[in-house]
Each structure stands twice: as structure tokens, then as C-alpha cells.
Amino acid sequence: MPDISNTSRTPWRPRCRSRRRGFTLIEIMIVVALLGIIAALVVPSLTKYISGASDAVARTNVQATKRAVVMYYQQNGFYPPAITPDLFMHNKLPVMPTGYAMLYDPITGIVDFTTP
């Protein structure tokens, strides 16, 4: 009968992978948390720039409207009764950003805008 006491047997354990094939849950959670922190820092500054751009568009549109009203006054001797597309080149009214409104007084010819 063979002697089995001399054979060295290691206790059972799962095979170790020589290469990692994916990310662990902890690694993914850390990346998601870092992306959340970065987004929390970036979004407020982007919102500020978007609102500043809307203000700039509104100011530019009001300036264009003021020029159109002045040109109408110079040609006709009175201010236009309303802001209409025929005051502008290509018969297009300036489009105000969402939340902004253009104010016009036909008596004085004053053009202004309101902000949200």
C-alpha cells in the first residue's frame, strides 16, 4: 500500500487570476464620486457664463433696435408707432433670449429691456 502521509497537499483555495479583468465596485464608486465633485464645481460657473451671454445678446438686440428707431426718426420725422420687422434689414425682428422683454415707448422713442 502506498504511503500517502508523505505527499504534500496544499489546502483548497480558488485559483488566482494572473491578470485583472475589470474594475472593482470600490474603484467605480470612487470615480463616480470624483465626477460628481467636479460637476458640482463646474456647473455654477457655467451657469454664470450662460446668463452673462444672455445679457449680452439682449443688450446687442436693444442697440440694434435703437439704431433702427433712430434711422426711422431721421427718415420720417417721428418715431415708429411700434417695433415691426420692416424696421430691420432682412425684415427680421431681433430675438430676445428667454425671459427678456424689449420695452418701447413710441412717444419718446426709448428702447430698453427687462431682465428675468
Protein backbone atom coordinates (compact mmCIF):
# COMPACT_ATOMS: atom_id res chain seq x y z
CA MET A 1 0.00 0.00 0.00
CA PRO A 2 1.39 3.37 -0.94
CA ASP A 3 2.35 5.80 1.80
CA ILE A 4 0.16 8.91 1.48
CA SER A 5 1.42 10.66 4.59
CA ASN A 6 4.46 11.89 2.74
CA THR A 7 2.61 13.69 -0.08
CA SER A 8 2.36 17.38 0.40
CA ARG A 9 -1.06 18.67 -0.26
CA THR A 10 -1.99 22.30 -0.08
CA PRO A 11 -5.36 23.27 1.28
CA TRP A 12 -8.01 24.07 -1.31
CA ARG A 13 -8.17 27.68 -2.48
CA PRO A 14 -9.59 29.28 -5.57
CA ARG A 15 -7.34 29.84 -8.49
CA CYS A 16 -5.70 33.23 -8.54
CA ARG A 17 -6.05 35.16 -11.71
CA SER A 18 -2.79 36.31 -13.10
CA ARG A 19 -4.47 39.31 -14.79
CA ARG A 20 -7.22 41.59 -13.55
CA ARG A 21 -10.13 41.66 -15.93
CA GLY A 22 -12.21 44.60 -14.64
CA PHE A 23 -12.73 47.27 -12.05
CA THR A 24 -13.87 46.64 -8.54
CA LEU A 25 -17.01 48.22 -7.18
CA ILE A 26 -14.95 50.48 -4.90
CA GLU A 27 -12.92 51.81 -7.83
CA ILE A 28 -16.07 52.60 -9.79
CA MET A 29 -17.66 54.31 -6.78
CA ILE A 30 -14.57 56.48 -6.28
CA VAL A 31 -14.59 57.56 -9.93
CA VAL A 32 -18.31 58.39 -9.78
CA ALA A 33 -17.78 60.41 -6.59
CA LEU A 34 -14.91 62.36 -8.17
CA LEU A 35 -17.00 63.11 -11.27
CA GLY A 36 -19.81 64.34 -9.01
CA ILE A 37 -17.45 66.67 -7.15
CA ILE A 38 -16.05 68.04 -10.42
CA ALA A 39 -19.57 68.59 -11.79
CA ALA A 40 -20.59 70.37 -8.59
CA LEU A 41 -17.68 72.78 -9.03
CA VAL A 42 -18.10 73.39 -12.78
CA VAL A 43 -21.88 73.76 -13.20
CA PRO A 44 -22.31 77.01 -11.19
CA SER A 45 -19.60 78.79 -13.16
CA LEU A 46 -21.08 77.61 -16.47
CA THR A 47 -24.49 78.91 -15.40
CA LYS A 48 -22.94 82.29 -14.68
CA TYR A 49 -21.41 82.43 -18.16
CA ILE A 50 -24.68 81.41 -19.82
CA SER A 51 -26.59 84.15 -18.01
CA GLY A 52 -23.88 86.67 -18.95
CA ALA A 53 -24.17 85.62 -22.59
CA SER A 54 -27.95 86.11 -22.48
CA ASP A 55 -27.43 89.62 -21.09
CA ALA A 56 -25.00 90.39 -23.90
CA VAL A 57 -27.45 89.14 -26.55
CA ALA A 58 -30.26 91.24 -25.05
CA ARG A 59 -28.06 94.36 -24.95
CA THR A 60 -26.98 93.82 -28.56
CA ASN A 61 -30.57 93.39 -29.72
CA VAL A 62 -31.65 96.56 -27.91
CA GLN A 63 -28.79 98.50 -29.50
CA ALA A 64 -29.83 97.27 -32.95
CA THR A 65 -33.42 98.27 -32.24
CA LYS A 66 -32.33 101.71 -31.01
CA ARG A 67 -30.39 102.24 -34.24
CA ALA A 68 -33.41 101.19 -36.31
CA VAL A 69 -35.69 103.58 -34.37
CA VAL A 70 -33.24 106.48 -34.82
CA MET A 71 -32.94 105.79 -38.55
CA TYR A 72 -36.75 105.71 -38.84
CA TYR A 73 -36.97 109.03 -36.98
CA GLN A 74 -34.36 110.61 -39.23
CA GLN A 75 -36.21 109.50 -42.37
CA ASN A 76 -39.77 110.28 -41.25
CA GLY A 77 -39.52 112.96 -38.56
CA PHE A 78 -41.40 110.90 -35.97
CA TYR A 79 -40.85 107.65 -34.09
CA PRO A 80 -42.39 104.43 -35.39
CA PRO A 81 -45.71 103.51 -33.76
CA ALA A 82 -44.40 100.00 -32.97
CA ILE A 83 -41.35 97.83 -33.41
CA THR A 84 -42.04 95.90 -36.61
CA PRO A 85 -39.89 93.70 -38.85
CA ASP A 86 -39.83 96.30 -41.64
CA LEU A 87 -37.59 98.49 -39.44
CA PHE A 88 -34.76 95.98 -39.78
CA MET A 89 -32.56 94.68 -42.54
CA HIS A 90 -33.93 91.42 -43.98
CA ASN A 91 -37.28 92.17 -42.28
CA LYS A 92 -36.40 90.17 -39.15
CA LEU A 93 -37.01 91.26 -35.59
CA PRO A 94 -34.19 90.65 -33.11
CA VAL A 95 -34.98 87.61 -30.99
CA MET A 96 -34.66 88.26 -27.27
CA PRO A 97 -33.32 85.49 -25.01
CA THR A 98 -35.83 83.57 -22.92
CA GLY A 99 -37.12 85.65 -20.04
CA TYR A 100 -36.08 89.01 -21.50
CA ALA A 101 -38.57 91.51 -22.87
CA MET A 102 -37.97 94.56 -25.04
CA LEU A 103 -39.73 97.76 -23.98
CA TYR A 104 -40.51 100.52 -26.45
CA ASP A 105 -42.12 103.92 -25.94
CA PRO A 106 -43.39 105.26 -29.30
CA ILE A 107 -43.72 108.80 -27.95
CA THR A 108 -40.11 109.23 -26.83
CA GLY A 109 -38.51 106.50 -28.96
CA ILE A 110 -36.83 104.98 -25.89
CA VAL A 111 -35.96 101.30 -26.27
CA ASP A 112 -34.97 99.23 -23.25
CA PHE A 113 -35.23 95.67 -21.98
CA THR A 114 -36.19 93.88 -18.79
CA THR A 115 -34.21 91.04 -17.29
CA PRO A 116 -35.62 87.89 -15.72
